[in-house]
Amino acid sequence: MRNPLESDRGFYYAVGLFTIGIFAAGLAALAAFGPGVGARELGGLVVGFLLFMLVYFVSIAVRRLEEGEDI
């Protein structure tokens, strides 16, 4: 079985998942140790991050289409 990190696509997906993990850990640390953050600010932060990750994963799909790879 081939290592998924040997391909560009696998590496980009791994980086995306690692970024999501770091963000989730940061949110957990903020909730546990940080000062009270308002729901509006937290909602804006999460929505902004989700939009960023959406663009990231769409760009991976577009790159694959440009190279002629199967989706």
Protein backbone atom coordinates (compact mmCIF):
# COMPACT_ATOMS: atom_id res chain seq x y z
CA MET A 1 0.00 0.00 0.00
CA ARG A 2 1.31 3.42 -0.96
CA ASN A 3 1.97 6.10 1.65
CA PRO A 4 -0.66 8.88 1.18
CA LEU A 5 1.95 11.55 1.91
CA GLU A 6 3.95 10.55 -1.16
CA SER A 7 1.52 12.37 -3.46
CA ASP A 8 0.96 16.11 -3.55
CA ARG A 9 -2.74 15.65 -2.97
CA GLY A 10 -2.23 13.52 0.12
CA PHE A 11 0.25 16.01 1.51
CA TYR A 12 -2.13 18.95 0.97
CA TYR A 13 -4.99 17.08 2.63
CA ALA A 14 -2.75 16.18 5.57
CA VAL A 15 -1.72 19.82 5.96
CA GLY A 16 -5.39 20.88 5.86
CA LEU A 17 -6.36 18.35 8.50
CA PHE A 18 -3.40 19.36 10.66
CA THR A 19 -4.49 23.01 10.39
CA ILE A 20 -8.02 22.10 11.45
CA GLY A 21 -6.62 20.16 14.41
CA ILE A 22 -4.48 23.10 15.53
CA PHE A 23 -7.49 25.42 15.25
CA ALA A 24 -9.67 23.06 17.28
CA ALA A 25 -6.95 22.76 19.95
CA GLY A 26 -6.68 26.54 20.07
CA LEU A 27 -10.43 26.90 20.52
CA ALA A 28 -10.38 24.31 23.29
CA ALA A 29 -7.52 26.15 25.03
CA LEU A 30 -9.36 29.45 24.65
CA ALA A 31 -12.49 27.96 26.18
CA ALA A 32 -10.58 26.37 29.06
CA PHE A 33 -8.04 29.04 29.96
CA GLY A 34 -8.97 32.24 28.17
CA PRO A 35 -11.14 35.10 29.25
CA GLY A 36 -14.78 35.01 28.36
CA VAL A 37 -15.12 35.54 24.63
CA GLY A 38 -18.44 36.68 23.28
CA ALA A 39 -20.47 34.43 21.05
CA ARG A 40 -20.42 37.00 18.26
CA GLU A 41 -16.62 37.19 18.19
CA LEU A 42 -16.23 33.44 18.45
CA GLY A 43 -18.81 32.89 15.71
CA GLY A 44 -16.98 35.30 13.42
CA LEU A 45 -13.69 33.55 14.08
CA VAL A 46 -15.12 30.11 13.33
CA VAL A 47 -17.00 31.24 10.21
CA GLY A 48 -13.89 33.00 8.89
CA PHE A 49 -11.77 29.91 9.48
CA LEU A 50 -14.33 27.66 7.80
CA LEU A 51 -14.39 29.95 4.76
CA PHE A 52 -10.60 29.85 4.66
CA MET A 53 -10.59 26.05 4.76
CA LEU A 54 -13.31 25.89 2.10
CA VAL A 55 -11.14 27.97 -0.23
CA TYR A 56 -8.14 25.79 0.63
CA PHE A 57 -9.87 22.53 -0.26
CA VAL A 58 -11.53 24.01 -3.38
CA SER A 59 -8.10 25.17 -4.56
CA ILE A 60 -6.83 21.59 -4.19
CA ALA A 61 -9.71 20.37 -6.35
CA VAL A 62 -9.07 23.07 -8.96
CA ARG A 63 -5.38 22.21 -9.10
CA ARG A 64 -6.27 18.57 -9.66
CA LEU A 65 -8.63 19.54 -12.47
CA GLU A 66 -5.95 21.69 -14.10
CA GLU A 67 -3.54 18.77 -14.06
CA GLY A 68 -6.17 16.45 -15.52
CA GLU A 69 -6.32 14.13 -12.51
CA ASP A 70 -9.46 12.24 -11.61
CA ILE A 71 -11.53 13.68 -8.79
